[in-house]
């Protein structure tokens, strides 16, 4: 009788010895996934593009009603009173008639913005700021026809605060690691558009197609000295 009683705690201890490490492992794995989810999401997006066998199709959400046709076309704007965009916000439209491009413009260039339209690099300038403006879009969607634009063509950017015109001056193909393909410290306002290259390539590519344009017209900000 005493022998049977003593076996029950042993079985219980043996079960705890097996189950406790498993439980700790599962809890730890869940915590790790939660902590690294912000970094894993872009990687998953890139992996999806790399493994595509056909151009991606994106679900279209209800259009955001914004008027980008009533902005100023010249003059000086008080930058402190401007309704500048926050990251991820729709703030304008980009039009290149010669290339058949008419697309929404977002502040930010993460996979989220690039799914919906043209993304703007947040560490560069905005139209009217007097700096280099760097914008990107996917080669197999919104910038698929970017190569049709030629030097001398007009590029229009309409925002909620102003309407801007740039003139294309040049284009080039460069490696994605080539930092000489753009100059974010240029002393005058200019526009750079880029996308992956070749245009018909799906997934990751190591080359980028750049379009360069000079400022022609549009209201400037009265930035402090």
N, C-alpha and C. Protein backbone atom coordinates (compact mmCIF):
# COMPACT_ATOMS: atom_id res chain seq x y z
N UNK A 1 0.83 -1.21 0.00
CA UNK A 1 0.00 0.00 0.00
C UNK A 1 0.85 1.25 0.00
N UNK A 2 1.86 1.30 0.86
CA UNK A 2 2.74 2.47 0.94
C UNK A 2 3.50 2.69 -0.36
N UNK A 3 3.79 1.63 -1.06
CA UNK A 3 4.52 1.74 -2.32
C UNK A 3 3.68 2.44 -3.37
N UNK A 4 2.35 2.09 -3.44
CA UNK A 4 1.46 2.72 -4.41
C UNK A 4 1.28 4.21 -4.11
N UNK A 5 1.18 4.58 -2.86
CA UNK A 5 1.02 5.99 -2.48
C UNK A 5 2.23 6.80 -2.90
N UNK A 6 3.40 6.24 -2.74
CA UNK A 6 4.63 6.97 -3.06
C UNK A 6 4.82 7.15 -4.56
N UNK A 7 4.15 6.34 -5.41
CA UNK A 7 4.33 6.44 -6.85
C UNK A 7 3.58 7.63 -7.44
N UNK A 8 2.47 8.07 -6.80
CA UNK A 8 1.67 9.16 -7.34
C UNK A 8 2.43 10.48 -7.38
N UNK A 9 3.11 10.88 -6.32
CA UNK A 9 3.90 12.11 -6.42
C UNK A 9 4.99 12.02 -7.47
N UNK A 10 5.55 10.81 -7.63
CA UNK A 10 6.60 10.67 -8.64
C UNK A 10 6.05 10.91 -10.04
N UNK A 11 4.84 10.33 -10.31
CA UNK A 11 4.24 10.55 -11.62
C UNK A 11 3.91 12.02 -11.82
N UNK A 12 3.40 12.66 -10.76
CA UNK A 12 3.05 14.09 -10.84
C UNK A 12 4.28 14.94 -11.10
N UNK A 13 5.36 14.66 -10.41
CA UNK A 13 6.61 15.41 -10.61
C UNK A 13 7.16 15.20 -12.02
N UNK A 14 7.04 13.97 -12.50
CA UNK A 14 7.54 13.67 -13.83
C UNK A 14 6.75 14.44 -14.89
N UNK A 15 5.43 14.53 -14.69
CA UNK A 15 4.58 15.28 -15.63
C UNK A 15 4.92 16.76 -15.63
N UNK A 16 5.10 17.33 -14.42
CA UNK A 16 5.48 18.74 -14.32
C UNK A 16 6.83 19.00 -14.98
N UNK A 17 7.74 18.05 -14.82
CA UNK A 17 9.08 18.20 -15.39
C UNK A 17 9.03 18.27 -16.92
N UNK A 18 8.05 17.57 -17.51
CA UNK A 18 7.91 17.56 -18.96
C UNK A 18 7.12 18.77 -19.46
N UNK A 19 6.01 19.10 -18.78
CA UNK A 19 5.11 20.15 -19.26
C UNK A 19 5.63 21.56 -19.02
N UNK A 20 6.32 21.80 -17.92
CA UNK A 20 6.78 23.16 -17.61
C UNK A 20 7.71 23.74 -18.67
N UNK A 21 8.75 23.00 -19.10
CA UNK A 21 9.61 23.56 -20.17
C UNK A 21 8.85 23.84 -21.46
N UNK A 22 7.87 22.97 -21.79
CA UNK A 22 7.09 23.19 -23.01
C UNK A 22 6.28 24.47 -22.90
N UNK A 23 5.66 24.67 -21.73
CA UNK A 23 4.85 25.88 -21.52
C UNK A 23 5.72 27.13 -21.60
N UNK A 24 6.88 27.09 -20.95
CA UNK A 24 7.79 28.25 -20.99
C UNK A 24 8.25 28.53 -22.43
N UNK A 25 8.51 27.46 -23.19
CA UNK A 25 8.95 27.63 -24.58
C UNK A 25 7.87 28.31 -25.42
N UNK A 26 6.62 27.87 -25.26
CA UNK A 26 5.51 28.45 -26.04
C UNK A 26 5.31 29.91 -25.68
N UNK A 27 5.33 30.23 -24.38
CA UNK A 27 5.16 31.61 -23.94
C UNK A 27 6.29 32.48 -24.48
N UNK A 28 7.52 31.97 -24.40
CA UNK A 28 8.67 32.73 -24.90
C UNK A 28 8.59 32.97 -26.39
N UNK A 29 8.14 31.95 -27.15
CA UNK A 29 8.02 32.09 -28.60
C UNK A 29 7.00 33.15 -28.97
N UNK A 30 5.87 33.16 -28.25
CA UNK A 30 4.83 34.17 -28.51
C UNK A 30 5.36 35.57 -28.23
N UNK A 31 6.09 35.75 -27.13
CA UNK A 31 6.64 37.06 -26.79
C UNK A 31 7.66 37.53 -27.83
N UNK A 32 8.48 36.59 -28.33
CA UNK A 32 9.47 36.94 -29.35
C UNK A 32 8.78 37.38 -30.64
N UNK A 33 7.73 36.66 -31.05
CA UNK A 33 7.00 37.03 -32.26
C UNK A 33 6.37 38.40 -32.14
N UNK A 34 5.80 38.69 -30.97
CA UNK A 34 5.18 40.01 -30.75
C UNK A 34 6.23 41.11 -30.83
N UNK A 35 7.40 40.87 -30.22
CA UNK A 35 8.45 41.89 -30.18
C UNK A 35 9.03 42.16 -31.56
N UNK A 36 9.15 41.12 -32.38
CA UNK A 36 9.81 41.28 -33.69
C UNK A 36 8.82 41.45 -34.84
N UNK A 37 7.52 41.50 -34.57
CA UNK A 37 6.54 41.62 -35.64
C UNK A 37 6.74 42.85 -36.51
N UNK A 38 7.07 44.06 -35.93
CA UNK A 38 7.29 45.23 -36.79
C UNK A 38 8.42 45.04 -37.80
N UNK A 39 9.45 44.24 -37.44
CA UNK A 39 10.56 44.00 -38.36
C UNK A 39 10.25 42.87 -39.33
N UNK A 40 9.43 41.91 -38.89
CA UNK A 40 9.14 40.77 -39.74
C UNK A 40 8.18 41.13 -40.87
N UNK A 41 7.27 42.08 -40.62
CA UNK A 41 6.27 42.43 -41.62
C UNK A 41 6.88 42.90 -42.93
N UNK A 42 7.85 43.88 -42.94
CA UNK A 42 8.47 44.27 -44.21
C UNK A 42 9.18 43.13 -44.90
N UNK A 43 9.82 42.24 -44.11
CA UNK A 43 10.52 41.11 -44.71
C UNK A 43 9.54 40.18 -45.43
N UNK A 44 8.38 39.97 -44.80
CA UNK A 44 7.37 39.12 -45.43
C UNK A 44 6.87 39.76 -46.71
N UNK A 45 6.69 41.10 -46.70
CA UNK A 45 6.26 41.80 -47.91
C UNK A 45 7.26 41.62 -49.04
N UNK A 46 8.55 41.76 -48.73
CA UNK A 46 9.59 41.59 -49.75
C UNK A 46 9.59 40.16 -50.26
N UNK A 47 9.46 39.18 -49.36
CA UNK A 47 9.44 37.78 -49.77
C UNK A 47 8.27 37.50 -50.70
N UNK A 48 7.12 38.10 -50.40
CA UNK A 48 5.96 37.93 -51.27
C UNK A 48 6.24 38.43 -52.67
N UNK A 49 6.90 39.61 -52.79
CA UNK A 49 7.20 40.16 -54.10
C UNK A 49 8.21 39.31 -54.85
N UNK A 50 9.22 38.79 -54.12
CA UNK A 50 10.25 37.97 -54.75
C UNK A 50 9.67 36.71 -55.36
N UNK A 51 8.65 36.14 -54.72
CA UNK A 51 8.11 34.86 -55.16
C UNK A 51 6.91 35.02 -56.09
N UNK A 52 6.58 36.25 -56.48
CA UNK A 52 5.44 36.46 -57.37
C UNK A 52 5.74 35.93 -58.78
N UNK A 53 4.74 35.37 -59.42
CA UNK A 53 4.87 34.94 -60.81
C UNK A 53 4.06 35.83 -61.74
N UNK A 54 3.31 36.77 -61.19
CA UNK A 54 2.54 37.73 -61.98
C UNK A 54 2.46 39.04 -61.21
N UNK A 55 2.17 40.16 -61.90
CA UNK A 55 2.12 41.44 -61.22
C UNK A 55 1.12 41.43 -60.07
N UNK A 56 1.44 42.10 -58.96
CA UNK A 56 0.55 42.09 -57.80
C UNK A 56 -0.70 42.91 -58.06
N UNK A 57 -1.79 42.50 -57.45
CA UNK A 57 -3.03 43.28 -57.48
C UNK A 57 -3.36 43.67 -56.06
N UNK A 58 -3.71 44.91 -55.85
CA UNK A 58 -3.98 45.41 -54.52
C UNK A 58 -5.46 45.74 -54.37
N UNK A 59 -6.00 45.42 -53.21
CA UNK A 59 -7.39 45.75 -52.95
C UNK A 59 -7.55 47.27 -52.89
N UNK A 60 -8.56 47.76 -53.57
CA UNK A 60 -8.79 49.19 -53.58
C UNK A 60 -9.75 49.57 -52.46
N UNK A 61 -9.29 50.44 -51.57
CA UNK A 61 -10.15 50.92 -50.50
C UNK A 61 -10.98 52.08 -51.03
N UNK A 62 -11.95 52.50 -50.24
CA UNK A 62 -12.79 53.62 -50.64
C UNK A 62 -11.93 54.86 -50.84
N UNK A 63 -12.09 55.57 -51.96
CA UNK A 63 -11.25 56.73 -52.23
C UNK A 63 -11.40 57.81 -51.18
N UNK A 64 -10.28 58.45 -50.85
CA UNK A 64 -10.29 59.56 -49.91
C UNK A 64 -10.56 60.84 -50.69
N UNK A 65 -11.63 61.52 -50.32
CA UNK A 65 -12.01 62.73 -51.05
C UNK A 65 -11.16 63.90 -50.58
N UNK A 66 -10.23 64.31 -51.41
CA UNK A 66 -9.40 65.48 -51.11
C UNK A 66 -9.24 66.30 -52.37
N UNK A 67 -9.26 67.61 -52.21
CA UNK A 67 -9.16 68.51 -53.34
C UNK A 67 -7.73 69.03 -53.45
N UNK A 68 -7.06 68.67 -54.54
CA UNK A 68 -5.69 69.12 -54.76
C UNK A 68 -5.60 70.09 -55.94
N UNK A 69 -6.73 70.65 -56.32
CA UNK A 69 -6.76 71.53 -57.50
C UNK A 69 -6.84 73.01 -57.14
N UNK A 70 -7.02 73.32 -55.86
CA UNK A 70 -7.23 74.71 -55.47
C UNK A 70 -6.02 75.34 -54.78
N UNK A 71 -4.89 74.65 -54.79
CA UNK A 71 -3.70 75.18 -54.13
C UNK A 71 -3.10 76.36 -54.88
N UNK A 72 -2.25 77.10 -54.20
CA UNK A 72 -1.57 78.24 -54.81
C UNK A 72 -0.63 77.76 -55.91
N UNK A 73 -0.45 78.60 -56.93
CA UNK A 73 0.45 78.26 -58.03
C UNK A 73 1.74 79.07 -58.01
N UNK A 74 1.80 80.08 -57.16
CA UNK A 74 3.00 80.92 -57.07
C UNK A 74 2.99 81.65 -55.73
N UNK A 75 4.02 82.49 -55.53
CA UNK A 75 4.08 83.28 -54.31
C UNK A 75 4.86 82.60 -53.21
N UNK A 76 4.65 83.11 -52.00
CA UNK A 76 5.36 82.62 -50.82
C UNK A 76 4.34 82.17 -49.78
N UNK A 77 4.58 81.01 -49.18
CA UNK A 77 3.69 80.45 -48.16
C UNK A 77 4.35 80.52 -46.79
N UNK A 78 3.56 80.83 -45.79
CA UNK A 78 4.04 80.80 -44.41
C UNK A 78 4.08 79.34 -43.96
N UNK A 79 5.26 78.79 -43.83
CA UNK A 79 5.39 77.36 -43.55
C UNK A 79 4.77 76.98 -42.21
N UNK A 80 4.71 77.92 -41.27
CA UNK A 80 4.14 77.62 -39.96
C UNK A 80 2.63 77.40 -40.02
N UNK A 81 1.98 77.93 -41.05
CA UNK A 81 0.53 77.78 -41.18
C UNK A 81 0.13 76.68 -42.15
N UNK A 82 1.11 75.99 -42.73
CA UNK A 82 0.81 74.94 -43.69
C UNK A 82 0.27 73.69 -43.00
N UNK A 83 -0.65 73.04 -43.65
CA UNK A 83 -1.18 71.77 -43.16
C UNK A 83 -0.33 70.64 -43.74
N UNK A 84 0.84 70.44 -43.13
CA UNK A 84 1.79 69.46 -43.65
C UNK A 84 1.36 68.05 -43.27
N UNK A 85 1.69 67.07 -44.11
CA UNK A 85 1.22 65.70 -43.87
C UNK A 85 2.00 65.00 -42.76
N UNK A 86 1.33 64.07 -42.11
CA UNK A 86 1.98 63.15 -41.20
C UNK A 86 2.33 61.88 -41.94
N UNK A 87 3.16 61.06 -41.35
CA UNK A 87 3.61 59.84 -42.04
C UNK A 87 2.43 58.94 -42.38
N UNK A 88 2.41 58.50 -43.63
CA UNK A 88 1.34 57.63 -44.10
C UNK A 88 0.15 58.35 -44.68
N UNK A 89 0.13 59.68 -44.62
CA UNK A 89 -1.04 60.44 -45.07
C UNK A 89 -0.98 60.76 -46.57
N UNK A 90 -2.15 60.73 -47.19
CA UNK A 90 -2.30 61.20 -48.56
C UNK A 90 -2.23 62.72 -48.55
N UNK A 91 -1.34 63.30 -49.39
CA UNK A 91 -1.23 64.75 -49.37
C UNK A 91 -1.16 65.37 -50.76
N UNK A 92 -1.33 64.56 -51.81
CA UNK A 92 -1.27 65.15 -53.14
C UNK A 92 -1.42 64.12 -54.24
N UNK A 93 -1.12 64.57 -55.44
CA UNK A 93 -1.16 63.70 -56.61
C UNK A 93 0.01 64.05 -57.52
N UNK A 94 0.54 63.04 -58.20
CA UNK A 94 1.65 63.22 -59.12
C UNK A 94 1.17 62.88 -60.52
N UNK A 95 1.43 63.79 -61.47
CA UNK A 95 0.93 63.61 -62.84
C UNK A 95 2.08 63.78 -63.83
N UNK A 96 2.28 62.77 -64.67
CA UNK A 96 3.21 62.86 -65.81
C UNK A 96 2.40 62.47 -67.03
N UNK A 97 1.86 63.44 -67.73
CA UNK A 97 0.96 63.16 -68.84
C UNK A 97 1.64 62.35 -69.94
N UNK A 98 2.90 62.63 -70.22
CA UNK A 98 3.60 61.94 -71.30
C UNK A 98 3.80 60.45 -71.02
N UNK A 99 3.74 60.07 -69.74
CA UNK A 99 3.93 58.67 -69.36
C UNK A 99 2.62 58.02 -68.90
N UNK A 100 1.52 58.77 -68.96
CA UNK A 100 0.24 58.22 -68.54
C UNK A 100 0.16 57.96 -67.05
N UNK A 101 0.88 58.75 -66.26
CA UNK A 101 0.91 58.56 -64.81
C UNK A 101 0.06 59.63 -64.13
N UNK A 102 -0.89 59.21 -63.33
CA UNK A 102 -1.73 60.09 -62.53
C UNK A 102 -2.06 59.31 -61.26
N UNK A 103 -1.34 59.58 -60.18
CA UNK A 103 -1.39 58.69 -59.02
C UNK A 103 -1.35 59.49 -57.72
N UNK A 104 -1.95 58.91 -56.69
CA UNK A 104 -1.95 59.54 -55.36
C UNK A 104 -0.55 59.59 -54.79
N UNK A 105 -0.32 60.61 -53.97
CA UNK A 105 0.99 60.86 -53.38
C UNK A 105 0.89 60.78 -51.86
N UNK A 106 1.75 59.95 -51.26
CA UNK A 106 1.72 59.73 -49.81
C UNK A 106 3.04 60.17 -49.17
N UNK A 107 2.94 60.57 -47.90
CA UNK A 107 4.13 60.96 -47.14
C UNK A 107 4.65 59.73 -46.41
N UNK A 108 5.80 59.23 -46.87
CA UNK A 108 6.35 57.98 -46.36
C UNK A 108 6.56 57.02 -47.52
N UNK A 109 7.54 56.13 -47.39
CA UNK A 109 7.81 55.19 -48.48
C UNK A 109 7.94 53.76 -47.98
N UNK A 110 7.17 53.42 -46.96
CA UNK A 110 7.15 52.05 -46.46
C UNK A 110 6.28 51.20 -47.39
N UNK A 111 6.29 49.86 -47.23
CA UNK A 111 5.44 49.02 -48.07
C UNK A 111 3.97 49.43 -48.04
N UNK A 112 3.52 49.98 -46.91
CA UNK A 112 2.12 50.40 -46.80
C UNK A 112 1.80 51.51 -47.78
N UNK A 113 2.65 52.55 -47.84
CA UNK A 113 2.40 53.66 -48.76
C UNK A 113 2.57 53.22 -50.22
N UNK A 114 3.58 52.38 -50.47
CA UNK A 114 3.86 51.97 -51.85
C UNK A 114 2.78 51.04 -52.41
N UNK A 115 1.98 50.44 -51.55
CA UNK A 115 0.85 49.65 -52.04
C UNK A 115 -0.25 50.55 -52.62
N UNK A 116 -0.30 51.79 -52.11
CA UNK A 116 -1.41 52.68 -52.46
C UNK A 116 -1.07 53.73 -53.50
N UNK A 117 0.22 54.00 -53.72
CA UNK A 117 0.58 55.04 -54.68
C UNK A 117 2.06 55.34 -54.64
N UNK A 118 2.39 56.61 -54.87
CA UNK A 118 3.78 57.07 -54.83
C UNK A 118 4.12 57.46 -53.39
N UNK A 119 5.29 57.02 -52.93
CA UNK A 119 5.74 57.34 -51.58
C UNK A 119 6.82 58.40 -51.59
N UNK A 120 6.84 59.23 -50.56
CA UNK A 120 7.81 60.31 -50.42
C UNK A 120 8.76 60.00 -49.27
N UNK A 121 10.05 60.06 -49.54
CA UNK A 121 11.06 59.82 -48.51
C UNK A 121 10.98 60.93 -47.47
N UNK A 122 10.72 60.57 -46.22
CA UNK A 122 10.42 61.56 -45.19
C UNK A 122 11.63 62.37 -44.75
N UNK A 123 12.85 61.89 -45.01
CA UNK A 123 14.05 62.63 -44.62
C UNK A 123 14.53 63.58 -45.71
N UNK A 124 13.82 63.62 -46.83
CA UNK A 124 14.13 64.58 -47.89
C UNK A 124 13.13 65.73 -47.80
N UNK A 125 12.99 66.49 -48.89
CA UNK A 125 12.13 67.67 -48.86
C UNK A 125 10.73 67.40 -49.36
N UNK A 126 9.90 68.45 -49.24
CA UNK A 126 8.55 68.46 -49.79
C UNK A 126 8.46 69.57 -50.84
N UNK A 127 7.52 69.50 -51.75
CA UNK A 127 7.38 70.57 -52.73
C UNK A 127 7.26 71.94 -52.07
N UNK A 128 8.10 72.88 -52.53
CA UNK A 128 8.09 74.22 -51.98
C UNK A 128 9.10 74.46 -50.89
N UNK A 129 9.72 73.40 -50.39
CA UNK A 129 10.65 73.54 -49.27
C UNK A 129 12.04 73.97 -49.72
N UNK A 130 12.32 73.89 -51.02
CA UNK A 130 13.62 74.30 -51.52
C UNK A 130 14.71 73.26 -51.38
N UNK A 131 14.32 71.99 -51.31
CA UNK A 131 15.28 70.90 -51.13
C UNK A 131 15.07 69.83 -52.20
N UNK A 132 15.91 68.79 -52.14
CA UNK A 132 15.69 67.62 -52.99
C UNK A 132 14.46 66.87 -52.51
N UNK A 133 13.59 66.52 -53.43
CA UNK A 133 12.39 65.73 -53.14
C UNK A 133 12.61 64.35 -53.74
N UNK A 134 12.48 63.31 -52.93
CA UNK A 134 12.76 61.95 -53.38
C UNK A 134 11.49 61.11 -53.26
N UNK A 135 11.01 60.60 -54.40
CA UNK A 135 9.77 59.85 -54.43
C UNK A 135 9.96 58.52 -55.15
N UNK A 136 9.18 57.52 -54.72
CA UNK A 136 9.32 56.17 -55.29
C UNK A 136 7.96 55.52 -55.46
N UNK A 137 7.91 54.54 -56.38
CA UNK A 137 6.73 53.70 -56.56
C UNK A 137 7.18 52.39 -57.19
N UNK A 138 6.31 51.39 -57.15
CA UNK A 138 6.65 50.08 -57.70
C UNK A 138 6.75 50.12 -59.22
N UNK A 139 7.70 49.35 -59.74
CA UNK A 139 7.90 49.31 -61.20
C UNK A 139 6.81 48.53 -61.92
N UNK A 140 6.13 47.63 -61.22
CA UNK A 140 5.11 46.83 -61.89
C UNK A 140 3.69 47.34 -61.65
N UNK A 141 3.59 48.53 -61.02
CA UNK A 141 2.27 49.13 -60.85
C UNK A 141 2.32 50.60 -61.26
N UNK A 142 2.46 51.50 -60.29
CA UNK A 142 2.28 52.93 -60.53
C UNK A 142 3.37 53.57 -61.38
N UNK A 143 4.60 53.05 -61.34
CA UNK A 143 5.69 53.61 -62.15
C UNK A 143 6.09 52.67 -63.28
N UNK A 144 5.17 51.83 -63.73
CA UNK A 144 5.50 50.88 -64.79
C UNK A 144 5.86 51.59 -66.09
N UNK A 145 5.30 52.78 -66.31
CA UNK A 145 5.55 53.52 -67.56
C UNK A 145 6.47 54.72 -67.34
N UNK A 146 7.18 54.76 -66.22
CA UNK A 146 8.05 55.90 -65.94
C UNK A 146 9.10 56.09 -67.03
N UNK A 147 9.52 55.01 -67.66
CA UNK A 147 10.52 55.10 -68.72
C UNK A 147 10.04 55.82 -69.97
N UNK A 148 8.72 56.04 -70.08
CA UNK A 148 8.19 56.77 -71.24
C UNK A 148 8.42 58.27 -71.12
N UNK A 149 8.69 58.76 -69.92
CA UNK A 149 8.94 60.19 -69.73
C UNK A 149 10.32 60.54 -70.29
N UNK A 150 10.42 61.66 -70.98
CA UNK A 150 11.66 62.08 -71.62
C UNK A 150 12.06 63.48 -71.15
N UNK A 151 13.37 63.81 -71.27
CA UNK A 151 13.81 65.16 -70.90
C UNK A 151 12.97 66.23 -71.60
N UNK A 152 12.58 67.24 -70.84
CA UNK A 152 11.71 68.29 -71.35
C UNK A 152 10.26 68.11 -70.96
N UNK A 153 9.88 66.89 -70.57
CA UNK A 153 8.49 66.64 -70.17
C UNK A 153 8.19 67.29 -68.82
N UNK A 154 6.93 67.66 -68.64
CA UNK A 154 6.50 68.27 -67.38
C UNK A 154 6.05 67.21 -66.39
N UNK A 155 6.37 67.45 -65.13
CA UNK A 155 5.91 66.62 -64.03
C UNK A 155 5.16 67.53 -63.07
N UNK A 156 3.89 67.23 -62.85
CA UNK A 156 3.05 68.06 -61.98
C UNK A 156 2.86 67.39 -60.62
N UNK A 157 2.94 68.20 -59.58
CA UNK A 157 2.63 67.73 -58.24
C UNK A 157 1.63 68.71 -57.63
N UNK A 158 0.44 68.22 -57.35
CA UNK A 158 -0.59 69.04 -56.71
C UNK A 158 -0.75 68.59 -55.26
N UNK A 159 -0.62 69.52 -54.34
CA UNK A 159 -0.77 69.22 -52.92
C UNK A 159 -1.92 70.04 -52.35
N UNK A 160 -2.21 69.84 -51.06
CA UNK A 160 -3.28 70.60 -50.44
C UNK A 160 -2.91 72.06 -50.21
N UNK A 161 -1.63 72.41 -50.39
CA UNK A 161 -1.21 73.79 -50.16
C UNK A 161 -0.66 74.48 -51.41
N UNK A 162 -0.38 73.73 -52.46
CA UNK A 162 0.18 74.36 -53.65
C UNK A 162 0.25 73.42 -54.84
N UNK A 163 0.35 74.03 -56.02
CA UNK A 163 0.48 73.27 -57.27
C UNK A 163 1.86 73.55 -57.85
N UNK A 164 2.59 72.47 -58.19
CA UNK A 164 3.99 72.59 -58.59
C UNK A 164 4.21 71.94 -59.95
N UNK A 165 5.15 72.52 -60.69
CA UNK A 165 5.55 71.97 -61.98
C UNK A 165 7.06 71.82 -62.00
N UNK A 166 7.52 70.66 -62.46
CA UNK A 166 8.95 70.37 -62.62
C UNK A 166 9.19 69.92 -64.06
N UNK A 167 10.40 70.13 -64.54
CA UNK A 167 10.75 69.73 -65.90
C UNK A 167 11.82 68.65 -65.85
N UNK A 168 11.54 67.52 -66.47
CA UNK A 168 12.51 66.42 -66.49
C UNK A 168 13.77 66.84 -67.24
N UNK A 169 14.91 66.55 -66.62
CA UNK A 169 16.20 66.92 -67.23
C UNK A 169 17.03 65.71 -67.65
N UNK A 170 16.84 64.58 -66.96
CA UNK A 170 17.71 63.43 -67.25
C UNK A 170 17.12 62.18 -66.60
N UNK A 171 17.72 61.04 -66.93
CA UNK A 171 17.38 59.76 -66.31
C UNK A 171 18.61 58.88 -66.33
N UNK A 172 18.63 57.89 -65.47
CA UNK A 172 19.75 56.95 -65.45
C UNK A 172 19.36 55.69 -64.70
N UNK A 173 20.11 54.62 -64.97
CA UNK A 173 19.98 53.36 -64.24
C UNK A 173 21.19 53.23 -63.33
N UNK A 174 20.96 52.90 -62.08
CA UNK A 174 22.05 52.77 -61.11
C UNK A 174 21.79 51.59 -60.19
N UNK A 175 22.86 51.11 -59.57
CA UNK A 175 22.72 50.05 -58.58
C UNK A 175 22.02 50.60 -57.35
N UNK A 176 21.32 49.74 -56.63
CA UNK A 176 20.57 50.21 -55.46
C UNK A 176 21.49 50.69 -54.34
N UNK A 177 22.78 50.35 -54.42
CA UNK A 177 23.75 50.79 -53.41
C UNK A 177 24.51 52.05 -53.83
N UNK A 178 24.20 52.60 -55.00
CA UNK A 178 24.92 53.75 -55.53
C UNK A 178 24.36 55.05 -54.94
N UNK A 179 25.03 55.59 -53.95
CA UNK A 179 24.56 56.81 -53.29
C UNK A 179 24.81 58.06 -54.13
N UNK A 180 25.54 57.94 -55.23
CA UNK A 180 25.76 59.10 -56.10
C UNK A 180 24.56 59.35 -57.01
N UNK A 181 23.58 58.46 -56.97
CA UNK A 181 22.42 58.61 -57.84
C UNK A 181 21.47 59.70 -57.36
N UNK A 182 21.68 60.18 -56.14
CA UNK A 182 20.83 61.25 -55.62
C UNK A 182 21.64 62.11 -54.65
N UNK A 183 21.27 63.38 -54.58
CA UNK A 183 21.95 64.32 -53.69
C UNK A 183 20.90 65.01 -52.83
N UNK A 184 20.78 64.58 -51.60
CA UNK A 184 19.78 65.15 -50.70
C UNK A 184 20.22 66.48 -50.11
N UNK A 185 21.46 66.88 -50.36
CA UNK A 185 21.97 68.14 -49.82
C UNK A 185 22.05 69.24 -50.88
N UNK A 186 21.42 69.04 -52.02
CA UNK A 186 21.46 70.04 -53.10
C UNK A 186 20.92 71.38 -52.60
N UNK A 187 21.52 72.49 -53.02
CA UNK A 187 21.11 73.81 -52.52
C UNK A 187 19.83 74.35 -53.15
N UNK A 188 19.33 73.71 -54.21
CA UNK A 188 18.12 74.20 -54.85
C UNK A 188 17.08 73.08 -54.93
N UNK A 189 15.82 73.48 -55.04
CA UNK A 189 14.75 72.48 -55.10
C UNK A 189 14.85 71.68 -56.40
N UNK A 190 14.73 70.38 -56.27
CA UNK A 190 14.71 69.49 -57.44
C UNK A 190 13.94 68.23 -57.07
N UNK A 191 13.51 67.52 -58.08
CA UNK A 191 12.68 66.33 -57.88
C UNK A 191 13.38 65.11 -58.45
N UNK A 192 13.39 64.02 -57.66
CA UNK A 192 13.95 62.75 -58.12
C UNK A 192 12.89 61.67 -57.92
N UNK A 193 12.57 60.98 -59.00
CA UNK A 193 11.66 59.84 -58.95
C UNK A 193 12.46 58.58 -59.24
N UNK A 194 12.12 57.49 -58.56
CA UNK A 194 12.84 56.25 -58.86
C UNK A 194 11.95 55.03 -58.64
N UNK A 195 12.35 53.95 -59.29
CA UNK A 195 11.64 52.69 -59.17
C UNK A 195 12.60 51.55 -59.47
N UNK A 196 12.19 50.34 -59.19
CA UNK A 196 13.04 49.18 -59.48
C UNK A 196 13.16 49.01 -61.00
N UNK A 197 14.27 48.42 -61.43
CA UNK A 197 14.55 48.25 -62.85
C UNK A 197 15.14 46.86 -63.09
N UNK A 198 14.79 46.19 -64.18
CA UNK A 198 13.94 46.57 -65.31
C UNK A 198 12.46 46.71 -64.92
N UNK A 199 11.70 47.40 -65.76
CA UNK A 199 10.31 47.69 -65.44
C UNK A 199 9.44 46.44 -65.40
N UNK A 200 9.80 45.43 -66.19
CA UNK A 200 8.97 44.22 -66.25
C UNK A 200 9.46 43.12 -65.32
N UNK A 201 10.42 43.45 -64.45
CA UNK A 201 10.96 42.45 -63.53
C UNK A 201 10.11 42.39 -62.27
N UNK A 202 9.73 41.18 -61.87
CA UNK A 202 8.97 40.99 -60.64
C UNK A 202 9.91 40.66 -59.50
N UNK A 203 9.53 41.06 -58.31
CA UNK A 203 10.35 40.75 -57.14
C UNK A 203 11.54 41.67 -57.00
N UNK A 204 12.52 41.23 -56.22
CA UNK A 204 13.68 42.06 -55.90
C UNK A 204 14.60 42.23 -57.10
N UNK A 205 15.07 43.46 -57.30
CA UNK A 205 16.08 43.74 -58.32
C UNK A 205 17.16 44.61 -57.69
N UNK A 206 18.36 44.53 -58.21
CA UNK A 206 19.48 45.29 -57.63
C UNK A 206 19.68 46.63 -58.32
N UNK A 207 18.87 46.94 -59.33
CA UNK A 207 19.01 48.20 -60.05
C UNK A 207 17.80 49.10 -59.84
N UNK A 208 18.06 50.41 -59.99
CA UNK A 208 16.99 51.41 -59.86
C UNK A 208 17.02 52.33 -61.08
N UNK A 209 15.84 52.74 -61.50
CA UNK A 209 15.71 53.70 -62.60
C UNK A 209 15.35 55.06 -61.99
N UNK A 210 16.17 56.07 -62.27
CA UNK A 210 16.00 57.40 -61.69
C UNK A 210 15.58 58.40 -62.77
N UNK A 211 14.66 59.27 -62.41
CA UNK A 211 14.26 60.41 -63.24
C UNK A 211 14.56 61.68 -62.46
N UNK A 212 15.23 62.62 -63.12
CA UNK A 212 15.62 63.88 -62.48
C UNK A 212 14.85 65.03 -63.11
N UNK A 213 14.40 65.96 -62.27
CA UNK A 213 13.64 67.10 -62.78
C UNK A 213 13.98 68.36 -61.99
N UNK A 214 13.95 69.49 -62.68
CA UNK A 214 14.23 70.78 -62.04
C UNK A 214 12.92 71.51 -61.73
N UNK A 215 12.98 72.35 -60.71
CA UNK A 215 11.82 73.14 -60.31
C UNK A 215 11.51 74.19 -61.38
N UNK A 216 10.22 74.32 -61.71
CA UNK A 216 9.78 75.32 -62.68
C UNK A 216 8.88 76.36 -62.03
N UNK A 217 7.85 75.91 -61.31
CA UNK A 217 6.92 76.85 -60.70
C UNK A 217 6.23 76.23 -59.50
N UNK A 218 5.62 77.10 -58.69
CA UNK A 218 4.93 76.66 -57.49
C UNK A 218 5.33 77.52 -56.31
N UNK A 219 4.47 77.69 -55.33
CA UNK A 219 4.76 78.55 -54.18
C UNK A 219 5.88 77.99 -53.31
N UNK A 220 6.73 78.87 -52.82
CA UNK A 220 7.85 78.48 -51.95
C UNK A 220 7.53 78.81 -50.50
N UNK A 221 8.16 78.07 -49.59
CA UNK A 221 7.96 78.32 -48.16
C UNK A 221 8.89 79.44 -47.70
N UNK A 222 8.41 80.26 -46.78
CA UNK A 222 9.28 81.28 -46.19
C UNK A 222 9.94 80.72 -44.93
N UNK A 223 10.89 79.82 -45.16
CA UNK A 223 11.58 79.16 -44.05
C UNK A 223 12.45 80.15 -43.30
N UNK A 224 12.60 79.98 -41.98
CA UNK A 224 13.47 80.86 -41.20
C UNK A 224 14.92 80.68 -41.62
N UNK A 225 15.68 81.74 -41.54
CA UNK A 225 17.10 81.69 -41.91
C UNK A 225 17.89 80.84 -40.92
